Amino acid sequence: MTQPDDTWERLLGVSINGLVRGLIGLGGLLLVWFAWPVMKSAWQAQQADTATTALRLNYKISMDAVLNAIDRLDRAVESDPIAIRYFQRSELLAGAALSPYFAPTAQQRTEWLKRAEADLRIGLGDEPAGGVQWLRLSSVRLALEGPSQRSVAPLLMSIDTAPMLQPLWPVRLRLILDNWQALTRDQRETVALYVARTWQLSTSHDWFADAIRTPGDELFIRYFLRNEAGAQDELTRLLTERRKRKS
């Protein structure tokens, strides 16, 4: 005959097991509930990857594809407003505004650049160590306002946060040249030291010659490299090769 105590123990065991299963099930539901916006945001952002990649590589892309990608990233940011989503949207907006393959209206271009700037400011507020993002902010401000300290400041922050990240230096050098008139004397000396150091560390110097568009650009780069052994002769050779290819 079953004792009352044994019956209560079995009932208590069943109740506890049921409670544990219930809590596990509830935990799973809560996990899905909280993870859903993140999953949805990631899916929406992924739908914009093709357009972003095309703009990044200067491939031709239709305006409809760009507008659809912007809409996707708008939804991604709304679902999960984290730094990486703002950065992704800023790249798309800036790329669309500055793409050589289609011409938005002046109003549309300005709107995209301003939205890109706002996204970068929000994202960098949460993740201030992004050398790429500071560089993009400098480019966006240069496109909006021309040479200014507002473009110079994020350019210098990009150098401070990722000083020797080689893939960024061709863009940095172009931005240094474009903002030269806005740089202070101390800033000019600072960037000159970094440019010279980057020359020393580079296995190929072709991108220095590629950055030169005007006689003034050549003058500044030669000034940056004035103390580097053999730099002037190598730069002359690289520029001569480019002129021969164009002739």
C-alpha atoms as a PDB file:
ATOM      1  CA  MET A   1       0.000   0.000   0.000  1.00  0.00           C
ATOM      2  CA  THR A   2       1.322   3.418  -0.984  1.00  0.00           C
ATOM      3  CA  GLN A   3       2.110   5.646   1.923  1.00  0.00           C
ATOM      4  CA  PRO A   4       0.681   9.227   1.911  1.00  0.00           C
ATOM      5  CA  ASP A   5       4.175  10.656   2.158  1.00  0.00           C
ATOM      6  CA  ASP A   6       5.263   8.791  -0.997  1.00  0.00           C
ATOM      7  CA  THR A   7       2.229  10.074  -2.891  1.00  0.00           C
ATOM      8  CA  TRP A   8       2.945  13.665  -1.920  1.00  0.00           C
ATOM      9  CA  GLU A   9       6.577  13.285  -2.913  1.00  0.00           C
ATOM     10  CA  ARG A  10       5.582  11.968  -6.356  1.00  0.00           C
ATOM     11  CA  LEU A  11       3.042  14.738  -6.816  1.00  0.00           C
ATOM     12  CA  LEU A  12       5.574  17.334  -5.713  1.00  0.00           C
ATOM     13  CA  GLY A  13       8.133  15.887  -8.126  1.00  0.00           C
ATOM     14  CA  VAL A  14       5.657  16.032 -10.997  1.00  0.00           C
ATOM     15  CA  SER A  15       4.751  19.618 -10.091  1.00  0.00           C
ATOM     16  CA  ILE A  16       8.370  20.711  -9.941  1.00  0.00           C
ATOM     17  CA  ASN A  17       9.158  19.010 -13.256  1.00  0.00           C
ATOM     18  CA  GLY A  18       6.156  20.678 -14.838  1.00  0.00           C
ATOM     19  CA  LEU A  19       7.198  24.045 -13.430  1.00  0.00           C
ATOM     20  CA  VAL A  20      10.737  23.642 -14.752  1.00  0.00           C
ATOM     21  CA  ARG A  21       9.465  22.678 -18.214  1.00  0.00           C
ATOM     22  CA  GLY A  22       7.124  25.628 -18.160  1.00  0.00           C
ATOM     23  CA  LEU A  23       9.889  28.014 -17.198  1.00  0.00           C
ATOM     24  CA  ILE A  24      12.146  26.603 -19.917  1.00  0.00           C
ATOM     25  CA  GLY A  25       9.389  27.032 -22.471  1.00  0.00           C
ATOM     26  CA  LEU A  26       8.720  30.571 -21.269  1.00  0.00           C
ATOM     27  CA  GLY A  27      12.430  31.345 -21.455  1.00  0.00           C
ATOM     28  CA  GLY A  28      12.504  30.132 -25.033  1.00  0.00           C
ATOM     29  CA  LEU A  29       9.551  32.306 -25.939  1.00  0.00           C
ATOM     30  CA  LEU A  30      11.135  35.317 -24.286  1.00  0.00           C
ATOM     31  CA  LEU A  31      14.415  34.636 -26.125  1.00  0.00           C
ATOM     32  CA  VAL A  32      12.604  34.567 -29.464  1.00  0.00           C
ATOM     33  CA  TRP A  33      10.640  37.689 -28.501  1.00  0.00           C
ATOM     34  CA  PHE A  34      13.739  39.707 -27.672  1.00  0.00           C
ATOM     35  CA  ALA A  35      15.889  38.256 -30.478  1.00  0.00           C
ATOM     36  CA  TRP A  36      13.309  38.816 -33.197  1.00  0.00           C
ATOM     37  CA  PRO A  37      14.066  42.533 -33.766  1.00  0.00           C
ATOM     38  CA  VAL A  38      17.774  41.726 -34.049  1.00  0.00           C
ATOM     39  CA  MET A  39      17.119  38.866 -36.482  1.00  0.00           C
ATOM     40  CA  LYS A  40      14.715  40.991 -38.505  1.00  0.00           C
ATOM     41  CA  SER A  41      17.202  43.861 -38.640  1.00  0.00           C
ATOM     42  CA  ALA A  42      20.015  41.587 -39.801  1.00  0.00           C
ATOM     43  CA  TRP A  43      17.773  40.125 -42.536  1.00  0.00           C
ATOM     44  CA  GLN A  44      16.744  43.578 -43.759  1.00  0.00           C
ATOM     45  CA  ALA A  45      20.371  44.774 -43.775  1.00  0.00           C
ATOM     46  CA  GLN A  46      21.417  41.710 -45.756  1.00  0.00           C
ATOM     47  CA  GLN A  47      18.931  42.620 -48.489  1.00  0.00           C
ATOM     48  CA  ALA A  48      20.872  45.867 -49.036  1.00  0.00           C
ATOM     49  CA  ASP A  49      24.283  44.195 -49.376  1.00  0.00           C
ATOM     50  CA  THR A  50      24.193  43.897 -53.170  1.00  0.00           C
ATOM     51  CA  ALA A  51      23.575  47.612 -53.674  1.00  0.00           C
ATOM     52  CA  THR A  52      26.170  48.611 -51.086  1.00  0.00           C
ATOM     53  CA  THR A  53      28.796  46.359 -52.669  1.00  0.00           C
ATOM     54  CA  ALA A  54      28.052  47.722 -56.138  1.00  0.00           C
ATOM     55  CA  LEU A  55      28.519  51.299 -54.927  1.00  0.00           C
ATOM     56  CA  ARG A  56      31.662  50.384 -53.018  1.00  0.00           C
ATOM     57  CA  LEU A  57      33.234  48.873 -56.157  1.00  0.00           C
ATOM     58  CA  ASN A  58      31.941  51.604 -58.498  1.00  0.00           C
ATOM     59  CA  TYR A  59      29.737  49.190 -60.428  1.00  0.00           C
ATOM     60  CA  LYS A  60      26.745  50.465 -62.335  1.00  0.00           C
ATOM     61  CA  ILE A  61      23.474  50.225 -60.405  1.00  0.00           C
ATOM     62  CA  SER A  62      19.957  51.491 -60.994  1.00  0.00           C
ATOM     63  CA  MET A  63      18.334  54.208 -58.931  1.00  0.00           C
ATOM     64  CA  ASP A  64      15.474  51.834 -58.090  1.00  0.00           C
ATOM     65  CA  ALA A  65      17.928  49.333 -56.613  1.00  0.00           C
ATOM     66  CA  VAL A  66      19.531  52.055 -54.508  1.00  0.00           C
ATOM     67  CA  LEU A  67      16.207  53.371 -53.242  1.00  0.00           C
ATOM     68  CA  ASN A  68      15.075  49.846 -52.369  1.00  0.00           C
ATOM     69  CA  ALA A  69      18.323  49.224 -50.467  1.00  0.00           C
ATOM     70  CA  ILE A  70      17.927  52.476 -48.528  1.00  0.00           C
ATOM     71  CA  ASP A  71      14.390  51.427 -47.585  1.00  0.00           C
ATOM     72  CA  ARG A  72      15.702  48.072 -46.364  1.00  0.00           C
ATOM     73  CA  LEU A  73      18.325  49.717 -44.183  1.00  0.00           C
ATOM     74  CA  ASP A  74      15.786  52.207 -42.849  1.00  0.00           C
ATOM     75  CA  ARG A  75      13.801  49.214 -41.606  1.00  0.00           C
ATOM     76  CA  ALA A  76      16.934  47.549 -40.242  1.00  0.00           C
ATOM     77  CA  VAL A  77      17.831  50.644 -38.215  1.00  0.00           C
ATOM     78  CA  GLU A  78      14.256  50.936 -36.953  1.00  0.00           C
ATOM     79  CA  SER A  79      14.237  47.298 -35.796  1.00  0.00           C
ATOM     80  CA  ASP A  80      17.668  47.366 -34.153  1.00  0.00           C
ATOM     81  CA  PRO A  81      19.204  50.858 -33.826  1.00  0.00           C
ATOM     82  CA  ILE A  82      22.788  49.842 -33.093  1.00  0.00           C
ATOM     83  CA  ALA A  83      26.027  51.379 -34.351  1.00  0.00           C
ATOM     84  CA  ILE A  84      26.698  48.845 -37.100  1.00  0.00           C
ATOM     85  CA  ARG A  85      23.286  49.482 -38.687  1.00  0.00           C
ATOM     86  CA  TYR A  86      23.887  53.240 -38.713  1.00  0.00           C
ATOM     87  CA  PHE A  87      27.322  52.637 -40.242  1.00  0.00           C
ATOM     88  CA  GLN A  88      25.852  50.367 -42.922  1.00  0.00           C
ATOM     89  CA  ARG A  89      23.235  52.922 -43.862  1.00  0.00           C
ATOM     90  CA  SER A  90      25.797  55.744 -43.898  1.00  0.00           C
ATOM     91  CA  GLU A  91      27.958  53.820 -46.372  1.00  0.00           C
ATOM     92  CA  LEU A  92      25.000  53.234 -48.672  1.00  0.00           C
ATOM     93  CA  LEU A  93      23.785  56.831 -48.499  1.00  0.00           C
ATOM     94  CA  ALA A  94      27.231  58.335 -49.026  1.00  0.00           C
ATOM     95  CA  GLY A  95      27.986  55.901 -51.839  1.00  0.00           C
ATOM     96  CA  ALA A  96      24.713  56.753 -53.566  1.00  0.00           C
ATOM     97  CA  ALA A  97      25.323  60.485 -53.213  1.00  0.00           C
ATOM     98  CA  LEU A  98      28.862  60.310 -54.624  1.00  0.00           C
ATOM     99  CA  SER A  99      28.523  57.544 -57.217  1.00  0.00           C
ATOM    100  CA  PRO A 100      29.793  58.554 -60.682  1.00  0.00           C
ATOM    101  CA  TYR A 101      27.257  56.320 -62.431  1.00  0.00           C
ATOM    102  CA  PHE A 102      24.013  58.129 -61.773  1.00  0.00           C
ATOM    103  CA  ALA A 103      23.189  61.693 -60.899  1.00  0.00           C
ATOM    104  CA  PRO A 104      20.603  62.365 -58.214  1.00  0.00           C
ATOM    105  CA  THR A 105      19.204  65.865 -58.005  1.00  0.00           C
ATOM    106  CA  ALA A 106      21.219  68.349 -55.979  1.00  0.00           C
ATOM    107  CA  GLN A 107      18.521  68.256 -53.308  1.00  0.00           C
ATOM    108  CA  GLN A 108      18.531  64.437 -53.158  1.00  0.00           C
ATOM    109  CA  ARG A 109      22.330  64.311 -53.016  1.00  0.00           C
ATOM    110  CA  THR A 110      22.441  66.822 -50.157  1.00  0.00           C
ATOM    111  CA  GLU A 111      19.734  64.955 -48.269  1.00  0.00           C
ATOM    112  CA  TRP A 112      21.597  61.653 -48.562  1.00  0.00           C
ATOM    113  CA  LEU A 113      24.860  63.228 -47.431  1.00  0.00           C
ATOM    114  CA  LYS A 114      23.208  64.876 -44.434  1.00  0.00           C
ATOM    115  CA  ARG A 115      21.553  61.606 -43.440  1.00  0.00           C
ATOM    116  CA  ALA A 116      24.894  59.822 -43.807  1.00  0.00           C
ATOM    117  CA  GLU A 117      26.543  62.428 -41.577  1.00  0.00           C
ATOM    118  CA  ALA A 118      23.814  62.046 -38.936  1.00  0.00           C
ATOM    119  CA  ASP A 119      24.140  58.240 -38.998  1.00  0.00           C
ATOM    120  CA  LEU A 120      27.915  58.456 -38.592  1.00  0.00           C
ATOM    121  CA  ARG A 121      27.637  60.824 -35.648  1.00  0.00           C
ATOM    122  CA  ILE A 122      25.193  58.481 -33.909  1.00  0.00           C
ATOM    123  CA  GLY A 123      27.247  55.375 -34.650  1.00  0.00           C
ATOM    124  CA  LEU A 124      30.561  56.932 -33.637  1.00  0.00           C
ATOM    125  CA  GLY A 125      28.963  58.078 -30.397  1.00  0.00           C
ATOM    126  CA  ASP A 126      28.645  54.391 -29.478  1.00  0.00           C
ATOM    127  CA  GLU A 127      31.774  53.085 -31.232  1.00  0.00           C
ATOM    128  CA  PRO A 128      34.334  55.913 -31.391  1.00  0.00           C
ATOM    129  CA  ALA A 129      37.283  53.733 -32.419  1.00  0.00           C
ATOM    130  CA  GLY A 130      36.152  53.248 -36.024  1.00  0.00           C
ATOM    131  CA  GLY A 131      38.927  54.562 -38.260  1.00  0.00           C
ATOM    132  CA  VAL A 132      36.936  53.747 -41.405  1.00  0.00           C
ATOM    133  CA  GLN A 133      33.863  55.562 -40.119  1.00  0.00           C
ATOM    134  CA  TRP A 134      35.793  58.693 -39.143  1.00  0.00           C
ATOM    135  CA  LEU A 135      37.254  58.729 -42.639  1.00  0.00           C
ATOM    136  CA  ARG A 136      33.805  58.439 -44.189  1.00  0.00           C
ATOM    137  CA  LEU A 137      32.579  61.318 -42.018  1.00  0.00           C
ATOM    138  CA  SER A 138      35.457  63.452 -43.308  1.00  0.00           C
ATOM    139  CA  SER A 139      34.535  62.594 -46.908  1.00  0.00           C
ATOM    140  CA  VAL A 140      30.857  63.365 -46.343  1.00  0.00           C
ATOM    141  CA  ARG A 141      31.593  66.738 -44.767  1.00  0.00           C
ATOM    142  CA  LEU A 142      34.008  67.617 -47.551  1.00  0.00           C
ATOM    143  CA  ALA A 143      31.301  66.821 -50.110  1.00  0.00           C
ATOM    144  CA  LEU A 144      28.762  68.907 -48.200  1.00  0.00           C
ATOM    145  CA  GLU A 145      30.846  71.929 -47.255  1.00  0.00           C
ATOM    146  CA  GLY A 146      34.166  71.859 -49.076  1.00  0.00           C
ATOM    147  CA  PRO A 147      37.502  72.084 -47.210  1.00  0.00           C
ATOM    148  CA  SER A 148      36.972  72.967 -43.558  1.00  0.00           C
ATOM    149  CA  GLN A 149      37.967  72.060 -40.029  1.00  0.00           C
ATOM    150  CA  ARG A 150      34.744  70.060 -39.836  1.00  0.00           C
ATOM    151  CA  SER A 151      36.197  67.773 -42.476  1.00  0.00           C
ATOM    152  CA  VAL A 152      39.712  67.903 -41.034  1.00  0.00           C
ATOM    153  CA  ALA A 153      38.668  66.902 -37.495  1.00  0.00           C
ATOM    154  CA  PRO A 154      37.300  63.428 -38.390  1.00  0.00           C
ATOM    155  CA  LEU A 155      40.209  62.930 -40.809  1.00  0.00           C
ATOM    156  CA  LEU A 156      42.642  63.365 -37.926  1.00  0.00           C
ATOM    157  CA  MET A 157      40.480  61.141 -35.710  1.00  0.00           C
ATOM    158  CA  SER A 158      40.708  58.439 -38.374  1.00  0.00           C
ATOM    159  CA  ILE A 159      44.486  58.696 -38.271  1.00  0.00           C
ATOM    160  CA  ASP A 160      44.510  58.643 -34.463  1.00  0.00           C
ATOM    161  CA  THR A 161      42.278  55.563 -34.217  1.00  0.00           C
ATOM    162  CA  ALA A 162      43.887  53.541 -37.047  1.00  0.00           C
ATOM    163  CA  PRO A 163      47.188  55.242 -37.892  1.00  0.00           C
ATOM    164  CA  MET A 164      48.909  52.467 -39.845  1.00  0.00           C
ATOM    165  CA  LEU A 165      45.932  50.747 -41.450  1.00  0.00           C
ATOM    166  CA  GLN A 166      47.383  50.684 -44.964  1.00  0.00           C
ATOM    167  CA  PRO A 167      44.144  50.269 -47.012  1.00  0.00           C
ATOM    168  CA  LEU A 168      42.830  53.572 -45.634  1.00  0.00           C
ATOM    169  CA  TRP A 169      45.804  55.684 -46.625  1.00  0.00           C
ATOM    170  CA  PRO A 170      45.039  56.264 -50.329  1.00  0.00           C
ATOM    171  CA  VAL A 171      41.726  57.862 -49.279  1.00  0.00           C
ATOM    172  CA  ARG A 172      43.383  59.707 -46.403  1.00  0.00           C
ATOM    173  CA  LEU A 173      46.041  61.154 -48.666  1.00  0.00           C
ATOM    174  CA  ARG A 174      43.399  62.388 -51.101  1.00  0.00           C
ATOM    175  CA  LEU A 175      41.466  63.993 -48.224  1.00  0.00           C
ATOM    176  CA  ILE A 176      44.654  65.597 -46.872  1.00  0.00           C
ATOM    177  CA  LEU A 177      45.288  67.170 -50.276  1.00  0.00           C
ATOM    178  CA  ASP A 178      41.671  68.286 -50.674  1.00  0.00           C
ATOM    179  CA  ASN A 179      41.630  69.855 -47.194  1.00  0.00           C
ATOM    180  CA  TRP A 180      45.124  71.313 -47.309  1.00  0.00           C
ATOM    181  CA  GLN A 181      44.014  74.936 -47.257  1.00  0.00           C
ATOM    182  CA  ALA A 182      41.922  74.275 -44.122  1.00  0.00           C
ATOM    183  CA  LEU A 183      44.741  72.601 -42.151  1.00  0.00           C
ATOM    184  CA  THR A 184      46.547  74.586 -39.497  1.00  0.00           C
ATOM    185  CA  ARG A 185      50.339  74.695 -39.480  1.00  0.00           C
ATOM    186  CA  ASP A 186      50.543  72.122 -36.673  1.00  0.00           C
ATOM    187  CA  GLN A 187      48.064  69.848 -38.443  1.00  0.00           C
ATOM    188  CA  ARG A 188      50.098  70.050 -41.638  1.00  0.00           C
ATOM    189  CA  GLU A 189      53.226  68.957 -39.809  1.00  0.00           C
ATOM    190  CA  THR A 190      51.338  66.110 -38.134  1.00  0.00           C
ATOM    191  CA  VAL A 191      49.922  64.693 -41.350  1.00  0.00           C
ATOM    192  CA  ALA A 192      53.286  65.177 -43.106  1.00  0.00           C
ATOM    193  CA  LEU A 193      54.938  62.927 -40.514  1.00  0.00           C
ATOM    194  CA  TYR A 194      52.263  60.254 -40.982  1.00  0.00           C
ATOM    195  CA  VAL A 195      52.491  60.384 -44.780  1.00  0.00           C
ATOM    196  CA  ALA A 196      56.271  59.991 -44.631  1.00  0.00           C
ATOM    197  CA  ARG A 197      55.942  57.101 -42.187  1.00  0.00           C
ATOM    198  CA  THR A 198      53.405  55.413 -44.435  1.00  0.00           C
ATOM    199  CA  TRP A 199      55.782  55.765 -47.401  1.00  0.00           C
ATOM    200  CA  GLN A 200      58.437  53.986 -45.343  1.00  0.00           C
ATOM    201  CA  LEU A 201      56.089  51.101 -44.513  1.00  0.00           C
ATOM    202  CA  SER A 202      54.522  50.699 -47.959  1.00  0.00           C
ATOM    203  CA  THR A 203      55.745  47.920 -50.222  1.00  0.00           C
ATOM    204  CA  SER A 204      54.288  49.765 -53.235  1.00  0.00           C
ATOM    205  CA  HIS A 205      54.191  53.518 -53.730  1.00  0.00           C
ATOM    206  CA  ASP A 206      51.921  53.653 -56.773  1.00  0.00           C
ATOM    207  CA  TRP A 207      49.030  55.066 -54.764  1.00  0.00           C
ATOM    208  CA  PHE A 208      51.067  58.182 -53.942  1.00  0.00           C
ATOM    209  CA  ALA A 209      51.290  58.961 -57.647  1.00  0.00           C
ATOM    210  CA  ASP A 210      47.610  58.012 -58.124  1.00  0.00           C
ATOM    211  CA  ALA A 211      46.610  60.671 -55.583  1.00  0.00           C
ATOM    212  CA  ILE A 212      48.164  63.459 -57.647  1.00  0.00           C
ATOM    213  CA  ARG A 213      45.659  65.346 -59.802  1.00  0.00           C
ATOM    214  CA  THR A 214      47.186  68.828 -59.975  1.00  0.00           C
ATOM    215  CA  PRO A 215      50.655  70.409 -59.855  1.00  0.00           C
ATOM    216  CA  GLY A 216      49.767  71.577 -56.354  1.00  0.00           C
ATOM    217  CA  ASP A 217      49.117  67.981 -55.257  1.00  0.00           C
ATOM    218  CA  GLU A 218      52.525  66.960 -56.565  1.00  0.00           C
ATOM    219  CA  LEU A 219      54.174  69.841 -54.742  1.00  0.00           C
ATOM    220  CA  PHE A 220      52.589  68.871 -51.421  1.00  0.00           C
ATOM    221  CA  ILE A 221      53.448  65.187 -51.723  1.00  0.00           C
ATOM    222  CA  ARG A 222      57.031  65.994 -52.618  1.00  0.00           C
ATOM    223  CA  TYR A 223      57.103  68.224 -49.539  1.00  0.00           C
ATOM    224  CA  PHE A 224      55.804  65.363 -47.348  1.00  0.00           C
ATOM    225  CA  LEU A 225      58.551  63.081 -48.675  1.00  0.00           C
ATOM    226  CA  ARG A 226      61.367  65.636 -48.696  1.00  0.00           C
ATOM    227  CA  ASN A 227      63.465  63.698 -46.162  1.00  0.00           C
ATOM    228  CA  GLU A 228      62.836  60.181 -47.548  1.00  0.00           C
ATOM    229  CA  ALA A 229      65.838  58.749 -49.379  1.00  0.00           C
ATOM    230  CA  GLY A 230      65.080  58.093 -53.046  1.00  0.00           C
ATOM    231  CA  ALA A 231      61.472  59.229 -52.747  1.00  0.00           C
ATOM    232  CA  GLN A 232      61.732  62.152 -55.176  1.00  0.00           C
ATOM    233  CA  ASP A 233      63.277  60.036 -57.927  1.00  0.00           C
ATOM    234  CA  GLU A 234      60.755  57.231 -57.447  1.00  0.00           C
ATOM    235  CA  LEU A 235      57.858  59.668 -57.510  1.00  0.00           C
ATOM    236  CA  THR A 236      59.205  61.187 -60.747  1.00  0.00           C
ATOM    237  CA  ARG A 237      59.426  57.720 -62.285  1.00  0.00           C
ATOM    238  CA  LEU A 238      55.868  56.811 -61.259  1.00  0.00           C
ATOM    239  CA  LEU A 239      54.460  60.061 -62.626  1.00  0.00           C
ATOM    240  CA  THR A 240      56.390  59.686 -65.882  1.00  0.00           C
ATOM    241  CA  GLU A 241      54.951  56.197 -66.368  1.00  0.00           C
ATOM    242  CA  ARG A 242      51.424  57.517 -65.886  1.00  0.00           C
ATOM    243  CA  ARG A 243      51.939  60.365 -68.354  1.00  0.00           C
ATOM    244  CA  LYS A 244      53.244  57.957 -70.969  1.00  0.00           C
ATOM    245  CA  ARG A 245      50.192  55.717 -70.568  1.00  0.00           C
ATOM    246  CA  LYS A 246      47.881  58.712 -71.061  1.00  0.00           C
ATOM    247  CA  SER A 247      49.713  60.033 -74.138  1.00  0.00           C
END
